[in-house]
N, C-alpha and C. Protein backbone atom coordinates (compact mmCIF):
# COMPACT_ATOMS: atom_id res chain seq x y z
N MET A 1 115.02 108.39 208.09
CA MET A 1 114.04 109.05 207.39
C MET A 1 112.97 107.95 206.94
N SER A 2 111.79 108.24 206.95
CA SER A 2 110.64 107.30 206.70
C SER A 2 110.63 107.07 205.16
N ARG A 3 110.28 105.76 204.78
CA ARG A 3 110.23 105.37 203.47
C ARG A 3 109.19 106.03 202.66
N LEU A 4 109.41 106.65 201.60
CA LEU A 4 108.45 107.26 200.64
C LEU A 4 107.41 106.24 200.32
N PHE A 5 106.14 106.61 200.46
CA PHE A 5 104.99 105.83 199.96
C PHE A 5 104.74 104.57 200.70
N ARG A 6 105.45 104.40 201.90
CA ARG A 6 105.37 103.08 202.61
C ARG A 6 104.20 103.29 203.72
N PHE A 7 103.24 102.25 203.51
CA PHE A 7 102.23 102.12 204.53
C PHE A 7 102.29 100.67 205.05
N SER A 8 102.35 100.48 206.27
CA SER A 8 102.52 99.23 206.92
C SER A 8 101.14 98.52 207.02
N THR A 9 101.21 97.21 206.75
CA THR A 9 100.05 96.26 206.75
C THR A 9 100.32 95.20 207.94
N PRO A 10 99.30 94.66 208.36
CA PRO A 10 99.39 93.58 209.44
C PRO A 10 100.46 92.62 209.16
N ASN A 11 100.65 92.17 207.84
CA ASN A 11 101.52 91.13 207.59
C ASN A 11 102.92 91.68 207.21
N GLU A 12 103.14 92.84 207.33
CA GLU A 12 104.44 93.41 206.85
C GLU A 12 105.39 93.76 208.03
N GLU A 13 106.60 93.62 207.81
CA GLU A 13 107.62 93.92 208.64
C GLU A 13 107.81 95.47 208.83
N THR A 14 107.44 96.04 209.94
CA THR A 14 107.46 97.45 209.93
C THR A 14 109.02 98.03 210.20
N SER A 15 109.85 97.12 210.52
CA SER A 15 111.24 97.50 210.81
C SER A 15 112.20 97.38 209.41
N ALA A 16 111.55 97.02 208.30
CA ALA A 16 112.18 96.76 207.03
C ALA A 16 112.97 98.22 206.68
N PRO A 17 114.20 98.08 206.32
CA PRO A 17 115.06 99.22 205.89
C PRO A 17 114.43 100.07 204.76
N PRO A 18 114.62 101.44 204.76
CA PRO A 18 114.30 102.09 203.55
C PRO A 18 114.81 101.65 202.27
N ALA A 19 113.96 101.72 201.24
CA ALA A 19 114.49 101.24 199.88
C ALA A 19 115.49 102.41 199.25
N GLU A 20 116.44 101.85 198.65
CA GLU A 20 117.41 102.80 198.11
C GLU A 20 116.71 103.81 197.05
N LEU A 21 115.70 103.24 196.29
CA LEU A 21 115.03 104.00 195.37
C LEU A 21 114.33 105.17 196.06
N SER A 22 113.67 105.01 197.11
CA SER A 22 113.02 105.98 197.74
C SER A 22 113.95 107.07 198.28
N GLU A 23 115.03 106.73 198.83
CA GLU A 23 115.94 107.79 199.21
C GLU A 23 116.56 108.57 198.18
N ASP A 24 116.57 107.93 196.92
CA ASP A 24 117.08 108.52 195.85
C ASP A 24 116.24 109.54 195.17
N LEU A 25 114.87 109.25 195.01
CA LEU A 25 113.72 110.09 194.50
C LEU A 25 113.23 111.18 195.43
N ARG A 26 113.43 110.80 196.64
CA ARG A 26 112.70 111.60 197.66
C ARG A 26 113.09 113.07 197.60
N PRO A 27 114.39 113.42 197.56
CA PRO A 27 114.63 114.83 197.57
C PRO A 27 114.28 115.59 196.37
N HIS A 28 114.16 114.91 195.22
CA HIS A 28 113.60 115.67 194.08
C HIS A 28 112.13 115.85 194.20
N LEU A 29 111.44 115.03 194.78
CA LEU A 29 110.00 115.08 195.01
C LEU A 29 109.77 116.20 196.05
N VAL A 30 110.46 116.28 197.07
CA VAL A 30 110.41 117.20 198.02
C VAL A 30 110.62 118.62 197.48
N GLN A 31 111.63 118.76 196.61
CA GLN A 31 111.95 120.05 195.94
C GLN A 31 110.77 120.61 195.09
N ILE A 32 110.13 119.68 194.30
CA ILE A 32 109.14 119.99 193.48
C ILE A 32 107.88 120.46 194.27
N PHE A 33 107.57 119.73 195.37
CA PHE A 33 106.43 120.08 196.25
C PHE A 33 106.63 121.49 196.86
N ALA A 34 107.93 121.71 197.34
CA ALA A 34 108.34 123.02 197.90
C ALA A 34 108.11 124.10 196.78
N LEU A 35 108.44 123.91 195.69
CA LEU A 35 108.35 125.09 194.60
C LEU A 35 106.99 125.28 194.22
N VAL A 36 106.12 124.21 194.25
CA VAL A 36 104.65 124.52 193.97
C VAL A 36 103.99 125.20 195.19
N GLY A 37 104.41 124.99 196.37
CA GLY A 37 103.77 125.53 197.52
C GLY A 37 104.22 127.05 197.57
N GLU A 38 105.47 127.32 197.11
CA GLU A 38 105.91 128.63 197.06
C GLU A 38 105.18 129.48 195.88
N ALA A 39 104.92 128.63 194.89
CA ALA A 39 104.31 129.23 193.72
C ALA A 39 102.79 129.84 193.96
N ILE A 40 102.00 128.97 194.78
CA ILE A 40 100.67 129.33 195.03
C ILE A 40 100.63 130.50 195.96
N ALA A 41 101.54 130.40 197.06
CA ALA A 41 101.56 131.53 197.94
C ALA A 41 101.97 132.70 197.26
N GLY A 42 103.12 132.68 196.50
CA GLY A 42 103.51 133.83 195.87
C GLY A 42 102.60 134.40 194.87
N ALA A 43 101.88 133.66 194.11
CA ALA A 43 100.99 134.12 193.09
C ALA A 43 99.77 134.79 193.81
N THR A 44 99.39 134.36 194.92
CA THR A 44 98.32 135.03 195.67
C THR A 44 98.71 136.39 196.15
N HIS A 45 99.86 136.34 196.83
CA HIS A 45 100.42 137.61 197.35
C HIS A 45 100.59 138.74 196.21
N ALA A 46 101.24 138.29 195.05
CA ALA A 46 101.41 139.11 194.01
C ALA A 46 100.13 139.74 193.52
N LEU A 47 99.10 138.91 193.40
CA LEU A 47 97.75 139.31 192.86
C LEU A 47 97.22 140.42 193.83
N LEU A 48 97.22 140.18 195.26
CA LEU A 48 96.66 141.06 196.16
C LEU A 48 97.41 142.29 196.35
N ALA A 49 98.75 142.22 196.16
CA ALA A 49 99.69 143.35 196.63
C ALA A 49 100.02 144.06 195.29
N ASN A 50 99.47 143.68 194.15
CA ASN A 50 99.70 144.23 192.89
C ASN A 50 101.23 144.29 192.51
N ASP A 51 101.89 143.11 193.01
CA ASP A 51 103.33 143.08 192.82
C ASP A 51 103.69 142.33 191.49
N ARG A 52 103.87 143.08 190.45
CA ARG A 52 104.07 142.45 189.15
C ARG A 52 105.36 141.77 188.96
N GLU A 53 106.34 142.27 189.74
CA GLU A 53 107.67 141.67 189.62
C GLU A 53 107.66 140.34 190.19
N LEU A 54 106.93 140.15 191.40
CA LEU A 54 106.93 138.81 191.90
C LEU A 54 106.07 137.86 191.13
N ALA A 55 105.02 138.50 190.49
CA ALA A 55 104.22 137.59 189.74
C ALA A 55 104.95 137.03 188.45
N LYS A 56 105.98 137.87 187.91
CA LYS A 56 106.70 137.46 186.84
C LYS A 56 107.65 136.30 187.23
N ARG A 57 108.17 136.46 188.49
CA ARG A 57 109.13 135.45 189.07
C ARG A 57 108.37 134.09 189.17
N VAL A 58 107.14 134.18 189.68
CA VAL A 58 106.37 133.00 189.78
C VAL A 58 106.09 132.27 188.54
N VAL A 59 105.86 133.11 187.47
CA VAL A 59 105.51 132.42 186.04
C VAL A 59 106.88 131.84 185.62
N GLU A 60 107.99 132.64 185.82
CA GLU A 60 109.35 132.04 185.38
C GLU A 60 109.64 130.66 186.20
N GLN A 61 109.25 130.72 187.42
CA GLN A 61 109.72 129.45 188.14
C GLN A 61 108.89 128.30 187.81
N ASP A 62 107.77 128.44 187.16
CA ASP A 62 106.96 127.19 186.63
C ASP A 62 107.69 126.61 185.66
N ILE A 63 108.66 127.14 184.80
CA ILE A 63 109.51 126.46 183.85
C ILE A 63 110.48 125.50 184.62
N THR A 64 110.95 126.08 185.86
CA THR A 64 111.76 125.10 186.53
C THR A 64 110.97 123.89 187.15
N ILE A 65 109.79 124.13 187.49
CA ILE A 65 108.98 122.99 188.12
C ILE A 65 108.69 122.06 186.99
N ASP A 66 108.31 122.43 185.74
CA ASP A 66 108.08 121.61 184.60
C ASP A 66 109.28 120.84 184.32
N GLU A 67 110.51 121.48 184.29
CA GLU A 67 111.66 120.72 183.95
C GLU A 67 112.06 119.74 184.95
N LEU A 68 111.83 119.91 186.21
CA LEU A 68 112.03 119.13 187.30
C LEU A 68 111.11 117.84 187.21
N VAL A 69 109.82 118.11 186.99
CA VAL A 69 108.79 117.17 186.75
C VAL A 69 109.31 116.23 185.59
N ASP A 70 109.55 116.87 184.53
CA ASP A 70 109.91 115.98 183.26
C ASP A 70 111.11 115.03 183.52
N ARG A 71 112.19 115.54 184.26
CA ARG A 71 113.40 114.76 184.68
C ARG A 71 112.90 113.71 185.57
N LEU A 72 112.16 113.89 186.51
CA LEU A 72 111.70 112.83 187.42
C LEU A 72 110.86 111.81 186.75
N VAL A 73 110.06 112.25 185.86
CA VAL A 73 109.21 111.18 185.05
C VAL A 73 110.19 110.40 184.18
N SER A 74 111.17 110.92 183.53
CA SER A 74 112.09 110.17 182.83
C SER A 74 112.94 109.16 183.70
N THR A 75 113.28 109.60 184.80
CA THR A 75 114.01 108.75 185.77
C THR A 75 113.12 107.54 186.24
N ALA A 76 111.91 107.89 186.59
CA ALA A 76 111.04 106.85 186.98
C ALA A 76 110.63 105.76 185.99
N GLU A 77 110.43 106.24 184.81
CA GLU A 77 110.20 105.34 183.63
C GLU A 77 111.39 104.56 183.37
N ASP A 78 112.64 105.07 183.37
CA ASP A 78 113.83 104.29 183.04
C ASP A 78 114.02 103.28 184.09
N ARG A 79 113.81 103.58 185.36
CA ARG A 79 113.92 102.45 186.42
C ARG A 79 112.89 101.55 186.50
N LEU A 80 111.62 101.93 186.03
CA LEU A 80 110.56 100.98 186.05
C LEU A 80 110.94 99.90 184.89
N LEU A 81 111.45 100.33 183.93
CA LEU A 81 111.82 99.40 182.83
C LEU A 81 112.94 98.47 183.17
N GLN A 82 113.85 98.92 184.02
CA GLN A 82 115.03 98.22 184.46
C GLN A 82 114.91 97.47 185.75
N SER A 83 113.84 97.66 186.44
CA SER A 83 113.66 97.10 187.75
C SER A 83 113.32 95.45 187.62
N ALA A 84 113.86 94.78 188.42
CA ALA A 84 113.56 93.30 188.41
C ALA A 84 112.10 93.11 188.79
N GLU A 85 111.51 92.03 188.14
CA GLU A 85 110.10 91.66 188.28
C GLU A 85 109.84 91.42 189.73
N ARG A 86 110.79 90.81 190.40
CA ARG A 86 110.50 90.39 191.77
C ARG A 86 110.50 91.61 192.71
N ASP A 87 110.86 92.72 192.24
CA ASP A 87 110.89 93.91 193.12
C ASP A 87 109.50 94.58 193.10
N ILE A 88 108.57 94.04 193.68
CA ILE A 88 107.16 94.43 193.51
C ILE A 88 107.04 95.81 194.26
N GLU A 89 107.50 95.92 195.45
CA GLU A 89 107.37 97.24 196.22
C GLU A 89 108.12 98.39 195.38
N GLY A 90 109.22 98.16 194.91
CA GLY A 90 109.94 99.15 194.10
C GLY A 90 109.16 99.59 192.87
N ARG A 91 108.67 98.57 192.21
CA ARG A 91 107.78 98.89 190.90
C ARG A 91 106.55 99.72 191.32
N ARG A 92 105.93 99.35 192.52
CA ARG A 92 104.73 100.05 192.93
C ARG A 92 104.93 101.38 193.19
N GLU A 93 106.19 101.66 193.86
CA GLU A 93 106.58 103.19 194.27
C GLU A 93 106.78 103.93 192.91
N LEU A 94 107.41 103.30 191.93
CA LEU A 94 107.68 104.06 190.71
C LEU A 94 106.33 104.28 190.02
N LEU A 95 105.44 103.40 190.05
CA LEU A 95 104.06 103.72 189.48
C LEU A 95 103.46 104.81 190.05
N ILE A 96 103.48 104.81 191.44
CA ILE A 96 102.89 105.95 192.09
C ILE A 96 103.47 107.34 191.79
N VAL A 97 104.85 107.27 191.67
CA VAL A 97 105.51 108.58 191.29
C VAL A 97 104.94 108.96 189.93
N LEU A 98 104.79 108.14 189.01
CA LEU A 98 104.43 108.48 187.58
C LEU A 98 102.91 108.93 187.61
N ARG A 99 102.16 108.46 188.62
CA ARG A 99 100.71 108.91 188.59
C ARG A 99 100.47 110.04 189.40
N ILE A 100 101.34 110.45 190.29
CA ILE A 100 101.16 111.66 190.90
C ILE A 100 101.80 112.93 190.32
N LEU A 101 102.92 112.71 189.55
CA LEU A 101 103.56 113.79 189.03
C LEU A 101 102.68 114.65 188.13
N PRO A 102 101.89 114.23 187.27
CA PRO A 102 101.02 115.08 186.45
C PRO A 102 100.12 115.98 187.45
N GLU A 103 99.65 115.51 188.47
CA GLU A 103 98.76 116.29 189.37
C GLU A 103 99.65 117.48 189.97
N ILE A 104 100.86 117.20 190.50
CA ILE A 104 101.73 118.10 190.95
C ILE A 104 102.04 119.26 189.91
N GLU A 105 102.35 118.73 188.63
CA GLU A 105 102.69 119.78 187.53
C GLU A 105 101.44 120.63 187.22
N ARG A 106 100.26 120.02 187.32
CA ARG A 106 99.03 120.81 186.97
C ARG A 106 98.82 121.94 188.15
N ASN A 107 99.11 121.59 189.35
CA ASN A 107 99.00 122.63 190.41
C ASN A 107 100.14 123.78 190.18
N GLY A 108 101.21 123.34 189.83
CA GLY A 108 102.20 124.45 189.41
C GLY A 108 101.68 125.26 188.26
N ASP A 109 101.09 124.66 187.33
CA ASP A 109 100.50 125.58 186.21
C ASP A 109 99.29 126.49 186.69
N LEU A 110 98.50 125.85 187.69
CA LEU A 110 97.49 126.76 188.18
C LEU A 110 98.01 127.94 188.97
N ALA A 111 98.99 127.82 189.66
CA ALA A 111 99.69 128.93 190.39
C ALA A 111 100.21 129.88 189.27
N GLU A 112 100.67 129.40 188.16
CA GLU A 112 101.28 130.26 187.16
C GLU A 112 100.13 131.09 186.56
N HIS A 113 99.03 130.51 186.37
CA HIS A 113 97.80 131.10 185.75
C HIS A 113 97.37 132.26 186.62
N VAL A 114 97.40 132.08 187.91
CA VAL A 114 97.04 133.17 188.83
C VAL A 114 98.09 134.25 188.68
N ALA A 115 99.37 133.93 188.75
CA ALA A 115 100.48 134.89 188.64
C ALA A 115 100.52 135.64 187.40
N ARG A 116 100.13 135.09 186.22
CA ARG A 116 99.99 135.74 185.07
C ARG A 116 98.94 136.94 184.98
N ARG A 117 97.91 136.68 185.76
CA ARG A 117 96.80 137.74 185.95
C ARG A 117 97.23 138.68 186.89
N ALA A 118 98.09 138.39 187.82
CA ALA A 118 98.67 139.31 188.84
C ALA A 118 99.57 140.29 188.11
N ALA A 119 100.34 139.60 187.13
CA ALA A 119 101.24 140.46 186.37
C ALA A 119 100.59 141.46 185.55
N ARG A 120 99.27 141.24 185.17
CA ARG A 120 98.60 142.32 184.50
C ARG A 120 97.86 143.32 185.29
N GLY A 121 98.11 143.31 186.64
CA GLY A 121 97.44 144.21 187.56
C GLY A 121 95.99 143.97 187.87
N LEU A 122 95.61 142.74 187.69
CA LEU A 122 94.21 142.38 187.87
C LEU A 122 93.67 142.70 189.39
N GLY A 123 94.58 142.41 190.41
CA GLY A 123 94.27 142.57 191.78
C GLY A 123 93.67 143.93 192.17
N ALA A 124 94.36 144.96 191.43
CA ALA A 124 93.82 146.32 191.84
C ALA A 124 92.57 146.57 191.28
N GLU A 125 92.03 145.85 190.26
CA GLU A 125 90.66 146.05 189.76
C GLU A 125 89.56 145.30 190.43
N MET A 126 89.97 144.43 191.37
CA MET A 126 88.88 143.62 192.07
C MET A 126 88.17 144.32 193.12
N SER A 127 87.01 143.92 193.47
CA SER A 127 86.15 144.48 194.49
C SER A 127 86.89 144.07 195.79
N PRO A 128 86.57 144.89 196.94
CA PRO A 128 87.08 144.56 198.26
C PRO A 128 86.67 143.09 198.63
N ARG A 129 85.35 142.75 198.37
CA ARG A 129 85.01 141.40 198.83
C ARG A 129 85.51 140.39 197.99
N ALA A 130 85.77 140.67 196.71
CA ALA A 130 86.46 139.59 195.92
C ALA A 130 87.88 139.41 196.29
N ARG A 131 88.54 140.53 196.65
CA ARG A 131 90.02 140.50 197.17
C ARG A 131 89.95 139.60 198.43
N GLY A 132 89.02 139.84 199.35
CA GLY A 132 88.98 139.11 200.65
C GLY A 132 88.77 137.61 200.43
N LEU A 133 87.93 137.24 199.38
CA LEU A 133 87.69 135.89 199.10
C LEU A 133 88.88 135.23 198.45
N VAL A 134 89.47 135.89 197.69
CA VAL A 134 90.71 135.40 197.00
C VAL A 134 91.81 135.24 197.98
N GLU A 135 92.05 136.12 198.94
CA GLU A 135 92.97 136.08 199.95
C GLU A 135 92.77 134.80 200.79
N ARG A 136 91.52 134.53 201.06
CA ARG A 136 91.15 133.29 201.89
C ARG A 136 91.35 132.09 201.00
N MET A 137 91.09 132.05 199.72
CA MET A 137 91.23 130.94 198.94
C MET A 137 92.77 130.64 198.73
N GLY A 138 93.65 131.65 198.82
CA GLY A 138 95.08 131.42 198.74
C GLY A 138 95.58 130.75 200.04
N GLU A 139 95.08 131.22 201.10
CA GLU A 139 95.39 130.71 202.47
C GLU A 139 94.99 129.14 202.54
N VAL A 140 93.88 128.87 202.08
CA VAL A 140 93.38 127.56 202.19
C VAL A 140 94.18 126.52 201.10
N ALA A 141 94.46 127.19 199.94
CA ALA A 141 95.21 126.43 198.96
C ALA A 141 96.53 126.14 199.56
N SER A 142 97.21 127.03 200.18
CA SER A 142 98.41 126.64 200.86
C SER A 142 98.37 125.55 201.93
N THR A 143 97.33 125.73 202.69
CA THR A 143 96.90 124.68 203.69
C THR A 143 96.82 123.30 203.18
N ILE A 144 95.95 123.27 202.10
CA ILE A 144 95.73 121.86 201.54
C ILE A 144 96.93 121.26 200.87
N TRP A 145 97.73 122.19 200.33
CA TRP A 145 99.07 121.70 199.80
C TRP A 145 100.06 121.23 200.80
N ARG A 146 99.99 121.78 202.10
CA ARG A 146 100.89 121.26 203.04
C ARG A 146 100.36 119.93 203.41
N GLU A 147 99.03 119.70 203.55
CA GLU A 147 98.51 118.35 203.94
C GLU A 147 98.81 117.30 202.86
N ALA A 148 98.78 117.73 201.57
CA ALA A 148 99.07 116.75 200.46
C ALA A 148 100.55 116.42 200.61
N THR A 149 101.41 117.38 200.95
CA THR A 149 102.71 117.05 201.09
C THR A 149 102.89 116.10 202.24
N ASP A 150 102.21 116.15 203.34
CA ASP A 150 102.37 115.17 204.36
C ASP A 150 101.93 113.74 203.91
N VAL A 151 100.90 113.69 203.23
CA VAL A 151 100.51 112.46 202.54
C VAL A 151 101.55 111.85 201.80
N ILE A 152 102.00 112.64 200.72
CA ILE A 152 102.87 111.98 199.72
C ILE A 152 104.39 111.88 200.21
N ILE A 153 104.95 112.73 200.82
CA ILE A 153 106.26 112.76 201.24
C ILE A 153 106.45 112.00 202.56
N ASP A 154 105.63 112.22 203.54
CA ASP A 154 105.86 111.49 204.92
C ASP A 154 104.91 110.39 205.18
N GLY A 155 104.06 110.11 204.17
CA GLY A 155 103.24 108.82 204.27
C GLY A 155 102.21 108.95 205.37
N LYS A 156 101.67 110.24 205.67
CA LYS A 156 100.69 110.32 206.67
C LYS A 156 99.37 110.22 206.01
N ALA A 157 98.98 108.87 205.93
CA ALA A 157 97.64 108.61 205.39
C ALA A 157 96.55 109.21 206.00
N GLU A 158 96.66 109.50 207.30
CA GLU A 158 95.51 110.13 208.11
C GLU A 158 95.20 111.48 207.67
N ALA A 159 96.12 112.21 206.97
CA ALA A 159 95.91 113.52 206.53
C ALA A 159 95.00 113.63 205.40
N SER A 160 94.71 112.42 204.59
CA SER A 160 93.84 112.41 203.55
C SER A 160 92.29 112.87 203.83
N GLY A 161 91.96 112.58 205.01
CA GLY A 161 90.58 112.90 205.48
C GLY A 161 90.52 114.44 205.62
N ALA A 162 91.61 115.06 206.24
CA ALA A 162 91.63 116.46 206.38
C ALA A 162 91.65 117.18 204.98
N ILE A 163 92.37 116.53 204.05
CA ILE A 163 92.30 117.20 202.76
C ILE A 163 91.01 117.37 202.06
N GLU A 164 90.16 116.25 202.32
CA GLU A 164 88.71 116.44 201.68
C GLU A 164 87.94 117.51 202.38
N ASP A 165 88.15 117.58 203.74
CA ASP A 165 87.40 118.71 204.40
C ASP A 165 87.97 120.05 203.82
N ILE A 166 89.26 120.22 203.85
CA ILE A 166 89.71 121.48 203.31
C ILE A 166 89.26 121.77 201.83
N ASP A 167 89.19 120.72 201.10
CA ASP A 167 88.69 121.05 199.74
C ASP A 167 87.28 121.47 199.71
N ASP A 168 86.48 121.03 200.69
CA ASP A 168 85.12 121.47 200.78
C ASP A 168 85.02 123.06 201.06
N GLU A 169 86.05 123.50 201.85
CA GLU A 169 86.03 124.93 202.08
C GLU A 169 86.35 125.67 200.95
N LEU A 170 87.31 125.13 200.08
CA LEU A 170 87.65 125.76 198.71
C LEU A 170 86.51 125.87 197.83
N ASP A 171 85.66 124.78 197.81
CA ASP A 171 84.54 124.75 196.97
C ASP A 171 83.52 125.82 197.38
N ASP A 172 83.24 125.85 198.74
CA ASP A 172 82.43 126.90 199.36
C ASP A 172 82.89 128.37 198.93
N LEU A 173 84.12 128.60 199.12
CA LEU A 173 84.68 130.00 198.62
C LEU A 173 84.47 130.13 197.06
N HIS A 174 84.66 129.13 196.39
CA HIS A 174 84.45 129.35 194.86
C HIS A 174 83.02 129.73 194.69
N VAL A 175 82.02 129.16 195.33
CA VAL A 175 80.69 129.51 195.16
C VAL A 175 80.53 130.88 195.59
N SER A 176 81.07 131.41 196.77
CA SER A 176 80.99 132.70 197.33
C SER A 176 81.51 133.72 196.37
N LEU A 177 82.73 133.39 195.82
CA LEU A 177 83.24 134.30 194.83
C LEU A 177 82.52 134.41 193.54
N THR A 178 82.00 133.34 193.10
CA THR A 178 81.15 133.36 191.89
C THR A 178 79.94 134.24 192.12
N ALA A 179 79.29 134.17 193.28
CA ALA A 179 78.18 135.03 193.71
C ALA A 179 78.57 136.50 193.64
N GLU A 180 79.86 136.71 194.14
CA GLU A 180 80.13 138.24 194.17
C GLU A 180 80.31 138.73 192.64
N LEU A 181 80.66 137.83 191.74
CA LEU A 181 80.71 138.21 190.30
C LEU A 181 79.42 138.78 189.85
N THR A 182 78.23 138.25 190.30
CA THR A 182 76.98 138.77 189.80
C THR A 182 76.49 140.00 190.51
N SER A 183 77.35 140.58 191.40
CA SER A 183 76.77 141.82 192.05
C SER A 183 77.02 143.09 191.39
N GLY A 184 77.73 142.98 190.22
CA GLY A 184 78.04 144.13 189.53
C GLY A 184 79.08 145.03 190.10
N SER A 185 79.85 144.62 191.06
CA SER A 185 80.84 145.50 191.77
C SER A 185 82.17 145.62 190.91
N MET A 186 82.11 144.71 189.79
CA MET A 186 83.30 144.75 189.01
C MET A 186 82.91 144.92 187.40
N SER A 187 83.65 145.40 186.78
CA SER A 187 83.51 145.31 185.21
C SER A 187 83.32 144.00 184.63
N VAL A 188 82.73 143.70 183.56
CA VAL A 188 82.52 142.30 182.97
C VAL A 188 83.81 141.81 182.71
N PRO A 189 84.90 142.39 182.00
CA PRO A 189 86.12 141.88 181.87
C PRO A 189 86.91 141.41 182.98
N VAL A 190 86.76 142.33 184.02
CA VAL A 190 87.51 141.87 185.36
C VAL A 190 86.76 140.71 185.99
N ALA A 191 85.40 140.75 185.97
CA ALA A 191 84.65 139.56 186.52
C ALA A 191 85.00 138.36 185.82
N VAL A 192 85.16 138.29 184.52
CA VAL A 192 85.48 137.04 183.74
C VAL A 192 86.95 136.55 184.40
N GLU A 193 87.85 137.45 184.50
CA GLU A 193 89.12 137.00 184.84
C GLU A 193 89.11 136.49 186.21
N VAL A 194 88.39 137.13 187.21
CA VAL A 194 88.19 136.78 188.51
C VAL A 194 87.49 135.26 188.61
N ALA A 195 86.60 135.13 187.71
CA ALA A 195 86.02 133.82 187.68
C ALA A 195 86.88 132.70 187.33
N LEU A 196 87.87 133.01 186.45
CA LEU A 196 88.83 131.99 186.13
C LEU A 196 89.75 131.83 187.28
N ILE A 197 90.19 132.81 188.03
CA ILE A 197 91.03 132.68 189.21
C ILE A 197 90.28 131.80 190.24
N ALA A 198 89.00 132.02 190.50
CA ALA A 198 88.27 131.23 191.42
C ALA A 198 88.30 129.78 191.07
N ARG A 199 88.15 129.50 189.67
CA ARG A 199 88.25 128.12 189.26
C ARG A 199 89.60 127.46 189.23
N PHE A 200 90.74 128.32 189.22
CA PHE A 200 92.03 127.84 189.38
C PHE A 200 92.31 127.42 190.85
N TYR A 201 91.85 128.15 191.72
CA TYR A 201 92.00 127.63 193.08
C TYR A 201 91.19 126.53 193.43
N GLU A 202 90.01 126.47 192.93
CA GLU A 202 89.13 125.34 193.23
C GLU A 202 89.80 123.99 192.50
N ARG A 203 90.36 124.07 191.37
CA ARG A 203 90.89 123.02 190.81
C ARG A 203 92.15 122.64 191.53
N PHE A 204 92.89 123.51 192.05
CA PHE A 204 94.08 123.28 192.85
C PHE A 204 93.76 122.33 194.01
N GLY A 205 92.63 122.54 194.64
CA GLY A 205 92.16 121.74 195.80
C GLY A 205 91.78 120.32 195.25
N ASP A 206 91.13 120.20 194.14
CA ASP A 206 90.78 118.94 193.55
C ASP A 206 92.02 118.13 193.23
N HIS A 207 93.07 118.64 192.67
CA HIS A 207 94.30 117.97 192.45
C HIS A 207 94.97 117.44 193.81
N CYS A 208 94.81 118.26 194.89
CA CYS A 208 95.39 117.78 196.22
C CYS A 208 94.58 116.59 196.53
N VAL A 209 93.29 116.58 196.38
CA VAL A 209 92.32 115.36 196.74
C VAL A 209 92.78 114.22 195.90
N ASN A 210 93.11 114.39 194.62
CA ASN A 210 93.52 113.26 193.73
C ASN A 210 94.87 112.76 194.25
N LEU A 211 95.76 113.67 194.63
CA LEU A 211 96.99 113.14 195.06
C LEU A 211 96.90 112.17 196.33
N ALA A 212 96.07 112.62 197.23
CA ALA A 212 95.90 111.67 198.41
C ALA A 212 95.18 110.46 198.07
N ARG A 213 94.21 110.48 197.18
CA ARG A 213 93.47 109.24 196.82
C ARG A 213 94.37 108.40 196.05
N ARG A 214 95.19 108.79 195.20
CA ARG A 214 96.11 108.01 194.45
C ARG A 214 97.15 107.38 195.47
N GLN A 215 97.61 108.05 196.39
CA GLN A 215 98.59 107.66 197.30
C GLN A 215 98.10 106.56 198.10
N VAL A 216 96.86 106.54 198.65
CA VAL A 216 96.42 105.68 199.56
C VAL A 216 95.58 104.60 198.92
N GLY A 217 95.46 104.60 197.61
CA GLY A 217 94.76 103.53 196.75
C GLY A 217 93.32 103.70 196.87
N ARG A 218 92.83 104.90 197.10
CA ARG A 218 91.30 105.04 197.10
C ARG A 218 90.76 105.19 195.83
N ALA A 219 89.45 104.78 195.61
CA ALA A 219 88.79 105.21 194.26
C ALA A 219 88.33 106.64 194.41
N GLY A 220 88.07 107.12 193.09
CA GLY A 220 87.52 108.49 192.97
C GLY A 220 88.44 109.53 192.55
N ALA A 221 89.65 109.22 192.24
CA ALA A 221 90.55 110.19 191.71
C ALA A 221 90.15 110.50 190.21
N ASP A 222 90.15 111.88 189.85
CA ASP A 222 89.71 112.08 188.51
C ASP A 222 90.84 112.79 187.73
């Protein structure tokens, strides 16, 4: 199993064994990523299918995501305080965990926000074009999350470039959906809620970009 967060450099021994810390924390991080991926896909499906029961399950699952994140934060903080100063790589990994967990938790929250509107039956009140755009935004959000998972969990730094390109598509869809809101095809209250949903998906992509940038040490994470 590849070492979590490990990127080789010209002066580094690429055959070094995996760190015990990585093997310990990895399953928990994998679980959180999987739950957030399920949440954004489930929230989108619930919205478009008017599946209120599924929407409620997604909302409830966010509690589990938050609990897992809090537990992993506590574990990383404790081990950071206990780690030997000479263990530079181990401390670096712990710091990365602490930096990326808030981004992951926020994406779980964004999926929950979409699900809450699905639970109120918003999808049935959206115009056909708005539904189509939201469907595509959900597909792109799931794709960008898979790419972010590759970067963080499997250390595929090359996927960070794809993430930026996918985020551009989400931004374009956000613009298109916002334009649809001005067409008068939906009532003002519905249009306001759809505008929020468009923003949720757009921010979901932004957090994926931030995850990749934090992982590979690039500037520009917000």
